[in-house]
Amino acid sequence: MRFEFIAKHRGAWRTRDLCEALGVSRGGFYEWLRRPQSRRSRENLQLLALVRTSFEQSDRTYGSPRVWRDLRAWGQRCGRHRVARLMRAEGLRARHRRRRFPSDAGQRLPSAIAPNLLERQFEATAPNQRLGRRLHVHLDPRGLVVFRGGTRLVLALGRRLVDE
């Protein structure tokens, strides 16, 4: 980790100063530069190429569990968390599925349509005869306040409806 930092920033500062500040030897840093990649790093690069292939074939919609399943189907042996870590390090994030309203199916059978009980007659002669839609109810010191589609109504304690 320290050597990676030095390699990344040695264009801005001198290598000797970076090694001294991080408490590592310059010889150790140059040895690290000449050292070949580890077996695990080489395997990660090969695996990452397959992860990208699966991710692109899914039109960037697969997350790590589905990519992992693809890799298993292709004969690769690796863990789910390894695939997730590689995807996270490369910035491969699945696009969220867009939620849509159900599409209109066109004509419906008469039996599938609910009966129109109000027949566009919304006035009631007594309480609790007509129900139009869901109301949002809040308590108020004067009574019960009902919010209905932009209109504020106050239901007084005497059960009469007053428009405010």
N, C-alpha and C. Protein backbone atom coordinates (compact mmCIF):
# COMPACT_ATOMS: atom_id res chain seq x y z
N MET A 1 0.82 -1.19 0.00
CA MET A 1 0.00 0.00 0.00
C MET A 1 0.87 1.26 0.00
N ARG A 2 1.91 1.24 0.83
CA ARG A 2 2.79 2.40 0.88
C ARG A 2 3.57 2.54 -0.43
N PHE A 3 4.02 1.39 -0.94
CA PHE A 3 4.80 1.43 -2.18
C PHE A 3 3.94 1.91 -3.34
N GLU A 4 2.67 1.51 -3.36
CA GLU A 4 1.76 1.99 -4.40
C GLU A 4 1.60 3.50 -4.33
N PHE A 5 1.50 4.03 -3.12
CA PHE A 5 1.38 5.47 -2.93
C PHE A 5 2.62 6.18 -3.47
N ILE A 6 3.79 5.62 -3.14
CA ILE A 6 5.04 6.24 -3.60
C ILE A 6 5.10 6.20 -5.12
N ALA A 7 4.75 5.06 -5.72
CA ALA A 7 4.80 4.94 -7.18
C ALA A 7 3.85 5.92 -7.84
N LYS A 8 2.72 6.16 -7.21
CA LYS A 8 1.72 7.05 -7.79
C LYS A 8 2.15 8.52 -7.69
N HIS A 9 2.85 8.89 -6.61
CA HIS A 9 3.14 10.29 -6.35
C HIS A 9 4.60 10.67 -6.56
N ARG A 10 5.42 9.78 -7.08
CA ARG A 10 6.84 10.13 -7.20
C ARG A 10 7.11 11.12 -8.32
N GLY A 11 6.12 11.42 -9.15
CA GLY A 11 6.27 12.49 -10.14
C GLY A 11 6.16 13.87 -9.50
N ALA A 12 5.45 13.95 -8.38
CA ALA A 12 5.25 15.24 -7.71
C ALA A 12 6.33 15.50 -6.65
N TRP A 13 6.79 14.45 -5.96
CA TRP A 13 7.81 14.59 -4.92
C TRP A 13 8.95 13.62 -5.19
N ARG A 14 10.06 13.88 -4.56
CA ARG A 14 11.20 12.99 -4.74
C ARG A 14 10.95 11.67 -4.02
N THR A 15 11.43 10.60 -4.62
CA THR A 15 11.24 9.26 -4.06
C THR A 15 11.86 9.17 -2.67
N ARG A 16 13.02 9.76 -2.50
CA ARG A 16 13.71 9.70 -1.21
C ARG A 16 12.85 10.33 -0.12
N ASP A 17 12.25 11.48 -0.41
CA ASP A 17 11.41 12.16 0.59
C ASP A 17 10.15 11.35 0.92
N LEU A 18 9.53 10.75 -0.11
CA LEU A 18 8.33 9.94 0.12
C LEU A 18 8.66 8.72 0.97
N CYS A 19 9.78 8.04 0.65
CA CYS A 19 10.17 6.85 1.42
C CYS A 19 10.46 7.22 2.87
N GLU A 20 11.11 8.34 3.06
CA GLU A 20 11.43 8.78 4.41
C GLU A 20 10.17 9.13 5.19
N ALA A 21 9.23 9.82 4.53
CA ALA A 21 7.99 10.22 5.20
C ALA A 21 7.13 9.01 5.56
N LEU A 22 7.16 7.97 4.73
CA LEU A 22 6.33 6.79 4.99
C LEU A 22 7.06 5.72 5.78
N GLY A 23 8.34 5.94 6.04
CA GLY A 23 9.09 5.00 6.89
C GLY A 23 9.46 3.70 6.19
N VAL A 24 9.75 3.76 4.91
CA VAL A 24 10.19 2.56 4.18
C VAL A 24 11.53 2.86 3.53
N SER A 25 12.28 1.82 3.20
CA SER A 25 13.59 2.03 2.58
C SER A 25 13.44 2.22 1.08
N ARG A 26 14.35 3.00 0.50
CA ARG A 26 14.31 3.19 -0.95
C ARG A 26 14.61 1.89 -1.66
N GLY A 27 15.53 1.11 -1.11
CA GLY A 27 15.86 -0.18 -1.70
C GLY A 27 14.65 -1.10 -1.76
N GLY A 28 13.87 -1.09 -0.67
CA GLY A 28 12.64 -1.90 -0.65
C GLY A 28 11.65 -1.45 -1.71
N PHE A 29 11.56 -0.13 -1.92
CA PHE A 29 10.64 0.39 -2.94
C PHE A 29 11.09 -0.05 -4.33
N TYR A 30 12.39 0.10 -4.63
CA TYR A 30 12.86 -0.28 -5.97
C TYR A 30 12.78 -1.79 -6.18
N GLU A 31 12.97 -2.56 -5.12
CA GLU A 31 12.79 -4.02 -5.21
C GLU A 31 11.33 -4.33 -5.56
N TRP A 32 10.42 -3.62 -4.91
CA TRP A 32 8.99 -3.82 -5.17
C TRP A 32 8.65 -3.49 -6.62
N LEU A 33 9.28 -2.44 -7.18
CA LEU A 33 9.03 -2.07 -8.57
C LEU A 33 9.45 -3.17 -9.54
N ARG A 34 10.60 -3.85 -9.25
CA ARG A 34 11.10 -4.89 -10.15
C ARG A 34 10.42 -6.24 -9.95
N ARG A 35 9.77 -6.41 -8.83
CA ARG A 35 9.15 -7.69 -8.51
C ARG A 35 8.00 -7.98 -9.48
N PRO A 36 7.90 -9.21 -9.98
CA PRO A 36 6.78 -9.54 -10.88
C PRO A 36 5.46 -9.56 -10.10
N GLN A 37 4.37 -9.46 -10.84
CA GLN A 37 3.05 -9.48 -10.20
C GLN A 37 2.83 -10.84 -9.54
N SER A 38 2.08 -10.82 -8.46
CA SER A 38 1.77 -12.07 -7.76
C SER A 38 0.78 -12.90 -8.58
N ARG A 39 0.72 -14.17 -8.25
CA ARG A 39 -0.20 -15.07 -8.95
C ARG A 39 -1.64 -14.59 -8.78
N ARG A 40 -1.98 -14.15 -7.58
CA ARG A 40 -3.34 -13.68 -7.31
C ARG A 40 -3.67 -12.45 -8.16
N SER A 41 -2.73 -11.53 -8.31
CA SER A 41 -2.97 -10.34 -9.13
C SER A 41 -3.20 -10.73 -10.59
N ARG A 42 -2.41 -11.67 -11.08
CA ARG A 42 -2.59 -12.12 -12.47
C ARG A 42 -3.94 -12.81 -12.64
N GLU A 43 -4.34 -13.62 -11.67
CA GLU A 43 -5.66 -14.28 -11.74
C GLU A 43 -6.78 -13.23 -11.69
N ASN A 44 -6.60 -12.20 -10.86
CA ASN A 44 -7.62 -11.15 -10.78
C ASN A 44 -7.78 -10.43 -12.11
N LEU A 45 -6.68 -10.20 -12.82
CA LEU A 45 -6.76 -9.53 -14.13
C LEU A 45 -7.52 -10.40 -15.13
N GLN A 46 -7.24 -11.72 -15.13
CA GLN A 46 -7.97 -12.62 -16.03
C GLN A 46 -9.45 -12.68 -15.66
N LEU A 47 -9.71 -12.76 -14.37
CA LEU A 47 -11.09 -12.81 -13.90
C LEU A 47 -11.83 -11.52 -14.22
N LEU A 48 -11.14 -10.40 -14.10
CA LEU A 48 -11.76 -9.11 -14.38
C LEU A 48 -12.17 -8.99 -15.84
N ALA A 49 -11.40 -9.58 -16.74
CA ALA A 49 -11.78 -9.56 -18.15
C ALA A 49 -13.09 -10.32 -18.36
N LEU A 50 -13.25 -11.45 -17.68
CA LEU A 50 -14.49 -12.22 -17.78
C LEU A 50 -15.65 -11.47 -17.11
N VAL A 51 -15.37 -10.81 -16.00
CA VAL A 51 -16.41 -10.03 -15.31
C VAL A 51 -16.91 -8.93 -16.23
N ARG A 52 -16.00 -8.24 -16.88
CA ARG A 52 -16.41 -7.17 -17.81
C ARG A 52 -17.23 -7.74 -18.96
N THR A 53 -16.84 -8.91 -19.47
CA THR A 53 -17.58 -9.54 -20.57
C THR A 53 -19.02 -9.82 -20.15
N SER A 54 -19.18 -10.44 -19.00
CA SER A 54 -20.53 -10.76 -18.51
C SER A 54 -21.32 -9.49 -18.27
N PHE A 55 -20.67 -8.49 -17.69
CA PHE A 55 -21.35 -7.23 -17.36
C PHE A 55 -21.81 -6.52 -18.63
N GLU A 56 -20.97 -6.50 -19.65
CA GLU A 56 -21.34 -5.85 -20.91
C GLU A 56 -22.40 -6.64 -21.66
N GLN A 57 -22.33 -7.97 -21.62
CA GLN A 57 -23.35 -8.79 -22.30
C GLN A 57 -24.73 -8.60 -21.68
N SER A 58 -24.77 -8.26 -20.40
CA SER A 58 -26.06 -8.05 -19.74
C SER A 58 -26.57 -6.63 -19.94
N ASP A 59 -25.88 -5.85 -20.77
CA ASP A 59 -26.24 -4.45 -21.02
C ASP A 59 -26.11 -3.64 -19.73
N ARG A 60 -25.09 -3.98 -18.94
CA ARG A 60 -24.75 -3.29 -17.70
C ARG A 60 -25.86 -3.37 -16.66
N THR A 61 -26.63 -4.46 -16.67
CA THR A 61 -27.72 -4.60 -15.71
C THR A 61 -27.43 -5.64 -14.64
N TYR A 62 -26.42 -6.48 -14.82
CA TYR A 62 -26.13 -7.53 -13.85
C TYR A 62 -25.28 -6.98 -12.72
N GLY A 63 -25.65 -7.32 -11.50
CA GLY A 63 -24.83 -7.04 -10.34
C GLY A 63 -23.90 -8.22 -10.09
N SER A 64 -23.18 -8.18 -8.98
CA SER A 64 -22.19 -9.21 -8.72
C SER A 64 -22.77 -10.62 -8.57
N PRO A 65 -23.97 -10.82 -7.99
CA PRO A 65 -24.47 -12.20 -7.90
C PRO A 65 -24.72 -12.83 -9.27
N ARG A 66 -25.28 -12.09 -10.19
CA ARG A 66 -25.54 -12.65 -11.52
C ARG A 66 -24.27 -12.82 -12.32
N VAL A 67 -23.33 -11.87 -12.19
CA VAL A 67 -22.04 -12.01 -12.87
C VAL A 67 -21.34 -13.25 -12.34
N TRP A 68 -21.38 -13.46 -11.03
CA TRP A 68 -20.76 -14.64 -10.41
C TRP A 68 -21.38 -15.92 -10.97
N ARG A 69 -22.71 -15.93 -11.14
CA ARG A 69 -23.36 -17.11 -11.72
C ARG A 69 -22.90 -17.36 -13.15
N ASP A 70 -22.73 -16.27 -13.92
CA ASP A 70 -22.21 -16.42 -15.28
C ASP A 70 -20.82 -17.03 -15.26
N LEU A 71 -19.96 -16.54 -14.38
CA LEU A 71 -18.60 -17.06 -14.30
C LEU A 71 -18.59 -18.54 -13.93
N ARG A 72 -19.46 -18.92 -13.02
CA ARG A 72 -19.55 -20.34 -12.65
C ARG A 72 -20.02 -21.17 -13.82
N ALA A 73 -20.97 -20.64 -14.61
CA ALA A 73 -21.46 -21.37 -15.78
C ALA A 73 -20.37 -21.49 -16.83
N TRP A 74 -19.44 -20.54 -16.88
CA TRP A 74 -18.34 -20.59 -17.84
C TRP A 74 -17.17 -21.42 -17.34
N GLY A 75 -17.31 -22.01 -16.14
CA GLY A 75 -16.27 -22.90 -15.63
C GLY A 75 -15.23 -22.22 -14.76
N GLN A 76 -15.42 -20.98 -14.38
CA GLN A 76 -14.47 -20.27 -13.52
C GLN A 76 -14.81 -20.55 -12.07
N ARG A 77 -13.79 -20.78 -11.27
CA ARG A 77 -13.99 -21.00 -9.84
C ARG A 77 -13.54 -19.74 -9.11
N CYS A 78 -14.49 -19.09 -8.47
CA CYS A 78 -14.18 -17.90 -7.68
C CYS A 78 -15.34 -17.66 -6.72
N GLY A 79 -15.10 -16.80 -5.76
CA GLY A 79 -16.13 -16.50 -4.76
C GLY A 79 -16.97 -15.29 -5.15
N ARG A 80 -18.16 -15.24 -4.55
CA ARG A 80 -19.06 -14.11 -4.83
C ARG A 80 -18.46 -12.80 -4.36
N HIS A 81 -17.83 -12.82 -3.19
CA HIS A 81 -17.30 -11.58 -2.63
C HIS A 81 -16.09 -11.10 -3.43
N ARG A 82 -15.36 -12.03 -4.01
CA ARG A 82 -14.23 -11.63 -4.86
C ARG A 82 -14.73 -10.90 -6.10
N VAL A 83 -15.79 -11.44 -6.71
CA VAL A 83 -16.39 -10.78 -7.88
C VAL A 83 -16.92 -9.41 -7.49
N ALA A 84 -17.57 -9.32 -6.34
CA ALA A 84 -18.11 -8.03 -5.88
C ALA A 84 -16.98 -7.04 -5.66
N ARG A 85 -15.88 -7.50 -5.06
CA ARG A 85 -14.75 -6.60 -4.80
C ARG A 85 -14.13 -6.11 -6.10
N LEU A 86 -13.96 -7.02 -7.08
CA LEU A 86 -13.38 -6.62 -8.36
C LEU A 86 -14.28 -5.63 -9.09
N MET A 87 -15.59 -5.87 -9.05
CA MET A 87 -16.52 -4.96 -9.71
C MET A 87 -16.51 -3.59 -9.03
N ARG A 88 -16.45 -3.59 -7.70
CA ARG A 88 -16.43 -2.32 -6.97
C ARG A 88 -15.15 -1.54 -7.28
N ALA A 89 -14.02 -2.26 -7.35
CA ALA A 89 -12.74 -1.58 -7.62
C ALA A 89 -12.70 -0.99 -9.03
N GLU A 90 -13.40 -1.62 -9.97
CA GLU A 90 -13.42 -1.13 -11.34
C GLU A 90 -14.57 -0.16 -11.61
N GLY A 91 -15.43 0.04 -10.62
CA GLY A 91 -16.55 0.97 -10.79
C GLY A 91 -17.68 0.41 -11.64
N LEU A 92 -17.81 -0.92 -11.67
CA LEU A 92 -18.89 -1.55 -12.45
C LEU A 92 -20.11 -1.67 -11.56
N ARG A 93 -21.09 -0.81 -11.78
CA ARG A 93 -22.33 -0.83 -11.00
C ARG A 93 -23.49 -1.08 -11.93
N ALA A 94 -24.37 -1.96 -11.53
CA ALA A 94 -25.53 -2.30 -12.36
C ALA A 94 -26.50 -1.13 -12.39
N ARG A 95 -27.15 -0.96 -13.53
CA ARG A 95 -28.20 0.05 -13.63
C ARG A 95 -29.44 -0.49 -12.95
N HIS A 96 -30.15 0.37 -12.27
CA HIS A 96 -31.39 -0.05 -11.62
C HIS A 96 -32.48 -0.24 -12.66
N ARG A 97 -33.30 -1.22 -12.42
CA ARG A 97 -34.43 -1.45 -13.30
C ARG A 97 -35.43 -0.34 -13.11
N ARG A 98 -35.90 0.20 -14.21
CA ARG A 98 -36.89 1.26 -14.14
C ARG A 98 -38.25 0.68 -13.85
N ARG A 99 -38.91 1.18 -12.86
CA ARG A 99 -40.25 0.68 -12.55
C ARG A 99 -41.25 1.47 -13.38
N ARG A 100 -42.11 0.76 -14.02
CA ARG A 100 -43.09 1.41 -14.89
C ARG A 100 -44.49 1.02 -14.45
N PHE A 101 -45.42 1.87 -14.81
CA PHE A 101 -46.81 1.53 -14.58
C PHE A 101 -47.20 0.42 -15.54
N PRO A 102 -48.14 -0.41 -15.17
CA PRO A 102 -48.57 -1.45 -16.10
C PRO A 102 -49.14 -0.83 -17.37
N SER A 103 -48.86 -1.44 -18.48
CA SER A 103 -49.35 -0.90 -19.74
C SER A 103 -50.84 -1.19 -19.89
N ASP A 104 -51.49 -0.36 -20.66
CA ASP A 104 -52.93 -0.52 -20.87
C ASP A 104 -53.15 -1.66 -21.85
N ALA A 105 -53.98 -2.60 -21.47
CA ALA A 105 -54.23 -3.78 -22.31
C ALA A 105 -55.33 -3.54 -23.33
N GLY A 106 -55.90 -2.35 -23.36
CA GLY A 106 -56.95 -2.06 -24.34
C GLY A 106 -58.33 -2.38 -23.78
N GLN A 107 -59.17 -2.99 -24.61
CA GLN A 107 -60.54 -3.30 -24.22
C GLN A 107 -60.56 -4.36 -23.12
N ARG A 108 -61.48 -4.19 -22.18
CA ARG A 108 -61.63 -5.15 -21.10
C ARG A 108 -63.01 -5.80 -21.19
N LEU A 109 -63.08 -6.98 -20.66
CA LEU A 109 -64.38 -7.65 -20.60
C LEU A 109 -65.30 -6.91 -19.65
N PRO A 110 -66.58 -6.86 -19.91
CA PRO A 110 -67.50 -6.17 -18.99
C PRO A 110 -67.47 -6.76 -17.58
N SER A 111 -67.16 -8.03 -17.46
CA SER A 111 -67.12 -8.64 -16.14
C SER A 111 -65.89 -8.19 -15.34
N ALA A 112 -64.87 -7.66 -16.02
CA ALA A 112 -63.65 -7.23 -15.33
C ALA A 112 -63.76 -5.80 -14.82
N ILE A 113 -64.78 -5.07 -15.20
CA ILE A 113 -64.93 -3.68 -14.79
C ILE A 113 -65.86 -3.62 -13.58
N ALA A 114 -65.42 -2.90 -12.55
CA ALA A 114 -66.23 -2.77 -11.34
C ALA A 114 -67.46 -1.92 -11.64
N PRO A 115 -68.56 -2.22 -11.00
CA PRO A 115 -69.78 -1.43 -11.24
C PRO A 115 -69.63 -0.01 -10.70
N ASN A 116 -70.23 0.95 -11.40
CA ASN A 116 -70.20 2.34 -11.01
C ASN A 116 -71.38 2.58 -10.07
N LEU A 117 -71.09 2.55 -8.77
CA LEU A 117 -72.16 2.66 -7.78
C LEU A 117 -72.64 4.10 -7.58
N LEU A 118 -71.77 5.08 -7.82
CA LEU A 118 -72.15 6.47 -7.59
C LEU A 118 -72.91 7.07 -8.77
N GLU A 119 -72.62 6.62 -9.97
CA GLU A 119 -73.25 7.16 -11.17
C GLU A 119 -73.12 8.68 -11.19
N ARG A 120 -71.99 9.20 -10.76
CA ARG A 120 -71.64 10.61 -10.73
C ARG A 120 -72.60 11.44 -9.87
N GLN A 121 -73.19 10.84 -8.87
CA GLN A 121 -74.02 11.57 -7.92
C GLN A 121 -73.27 11.58 -6.60
N PHE A 122 -72.59 12.70 -6.31
CA PHE A 122 -71.70 12.75 -5.17
C PHE A 122 -72.35 13.34 -3.92
N GLU A 123 -73.51 13.94 -4.02
CA GLU A 123 -74.15 14.53 -2.87
C GLU A 123 -74.80 13.42 -2.05
N ALA A 124 -74.67 13.55 -0.74
CA ALA A 124 -75.28 12.57 0.15
C ALA A 124 -76.33 13.26 1.00
N THR A 125 -77.40 12.57 1.30
CA THR A 125 -78.46 13.12 2.13
C THR A 125 -78.21 12.90 3.60
N ALA A 126 -77.35 11.94 3.94
CA ALA A 126 -77.02 11.63 5.33
C ALA A 126 -75.54 11.26 5.40
N PRO A 127 -74.95 11.29 6.60
CA PRO A 127 -73.54 10.92 6.71
C PRO A 127 -73.30 9.46 6.35
N ASN A 128 -72.06 9.16 5.95
CA ASN A 128 -71.59 7.81 5.66
C ASN A 128 -72.35 7.11 4.54
N GLN A 129 -72.83 7.85 3.55
CA GLN A 129 -73.49 7.23 2.41
C GLN A 129 -72.56 7.12 1.21
N ARG A 130 -71.69 8.08 1.02
CA ARG A 130 -70.81 8.10 -0.15
C ARG A 130 -69.35 8.15 0.32
N LEU A 131 -68.50 7.43 -0.37
CA LEU A 131 -67.08 7.44 -0.10
C LEU A 131 -66.37 7.68 -1.42
N GLY A 132 -65.68 8.79 -1.52
CA GLY A 132 -65.05 9.15 -2.78
C GLY A 132 -63.66 8.58 -2.94
N ARG A 133 -62.77 8.85 -1.98
CA ARG A 133 -61.39 8.35 -2.06
C ARG A 133 -60.75 8.45 -0.69
N ARG A 134 -59.52 8.00 -0.60
CA ARG A 134 -58.81 8.02 0.67
C ARG A 134 -58.57 9.46 1.11
N LEU A 135 -58.82 9.71 2.39
CA LEU A 135 -58.62 11.03 2.95
C LEU A 135 -57.47 10.98 3.94
N HIS A 136 -56.71 12.06 4.02
CA HIS A 136 -55.64 12.17 5.00
C HIS A 136 -56.18 12.92 6.21
N VAL A 137 -56.14 12.31 7.36
CA VAL A 137 -56.77 12.85 8.55
C VAL A 137 -55.69 13.24 9.56
N HIS A 138 -55.81 14.44 10.14
CA HIS A 138 -54.90 14.92 11.17
C HIS A 138 -55.71 15.49 12.31
N LEU A 139 -55.22 15.36 13.52
CA LEU A 139 -55.91 15.91 14.69
C LEU A 139 -55.58 17.39 14.82
N ASP A 140 -56.58 18.14 15.22
CA ASP A 140 -56.45 19.57 15.38
C ASP A 140 -57.15 19.93 16.68
N PRO A 141 -56.75 21.02 17.38
CA PRO A 141 -57.43 21.37 18.64
C PRO A 141 -58.92 21.67 18.45
N ARG A 142 -59.32 22.14 17.27
CA ARG A 142 -60.72 22.48 17.03
C ARG A 142 -61.55 21.27 16.62
N GLY A 143 -60.95 20.22 16.21
CA GLY A 143 -61.69 19.05 15.74
C GLY A 143 -60.79 18.17 14.91
N LEU A 144 -61.35 17.56 13.90
CA LEU A 144 -60.62 16.66 13.03
C LEU A 144 -60.40 17.36 11.71
N VAL A 145 -59.13 17.50 11.27
CA VAL A 145 -58.84 18.18 10.01
C VAL A 145 -58.62 17.12 8.95
N VAL A 146 -59.30 17.26 7.85
CA VAL A 146 -59.21 16.30 6.76
C VAL A 146 -58.66 17.01 5.54
N PHE A 147 -57.58 16.50 4.95
CA PHE A 147 -57.01 17.06 3.73
C PHE A 147 -57.48 16.20 2.57
N ARG A 148 -58.14 16.83 1.60
CA ARG A 148 -58.69 16.07 0.48
C ARG A 148 -58.33 16.81 -0.80
N GLY A 149 -57.31 16.31 -1.51
CA GLY A 149 -56.98 16.83 -2.83
C GLY A 149 -56.82 18.33 -2.90
N GLY A 150 -56.08 18.93 -2.01
CA GLY A 150 -55.85 20.37 -2.06
C GLY A 150 -56.90 21.16 -1.30
N THR A 151 -58.02 20.57 -0.91
CA THR A 151 -59.05 21.26 -0.16
C THR A 151 -58.91 20.87 1.30
N ARG A 152 -59.00 21.84 2.19
CA ARG A 152 -58.89 21.55 3.61
C ARG A 152 -60.27 21.63 4.23
N LEU A 153 -60.69 20.55 4.82
CA LEU A 153 -62.00 20.51 5.45
C LEU A 153 -61.81 20.27 6.94
N VAL A 154 -62.69 20.85 7.75
CA VAL A 154 -62.64 20.62 9.18
C VAL A 154 -63.93 19.93 9.58
N LEU A 155 -63.78 18.79 10.17
CA LEU A 155 -64.93 18.04 10.66
C LEU A 155 -65.08 18.42 12.13
N ALA A 156 -66.06 19.22 12.43
CA ALA A 156 -66.23 19.72 13.80
C ALA A 156 -66.73 18.60 14.70
N LEU A 157 -66.67 18.86 16.00
CA LEU A 157 -67.05 17.82 16.94
C LEU A 157 -68.53 17.46 16.83
N GLY A 158 -69.36 18.37 16.33
CA GLY A 158 -70.78 18.08 16.20
C GLY A 158 -71.10 17.31 14.93
N ARG A 159 -70.10 16.75 14.23
CA ARG A 159 -70.23 15.94 13.05
C ARG A 159 -70.79 16.70 11.84
N ARG A 160 -70.61 18.00 11.81
CA ARG A 160 -71.04 18.68 10.60
C ARG A 160 -69.81 19.10 9.83
N LEU A 161 -69.90 19.14 8.56
CA LEU A 161 -68.77 19.41 7.67
C LEU A 161 -68.71 20.89 7.37
N VAL A 162 -67.59 21.52 7.72
CA VAL A 162 -67.43 22.93 7.50
C VAL A 162 -66.23 23.14 6.56
N ASP A 163 -66.44 23.87 5.51
CA ASP A 163 -65.36 24.16 4.59
C ASP A 163 -64.63 25.38 5.09
N GLU A 164 -63.31 25.28 5.27
CA GLU A 164 -62.55 26.40 5.82
C GLU A 164 -61.74 27.09 4.76
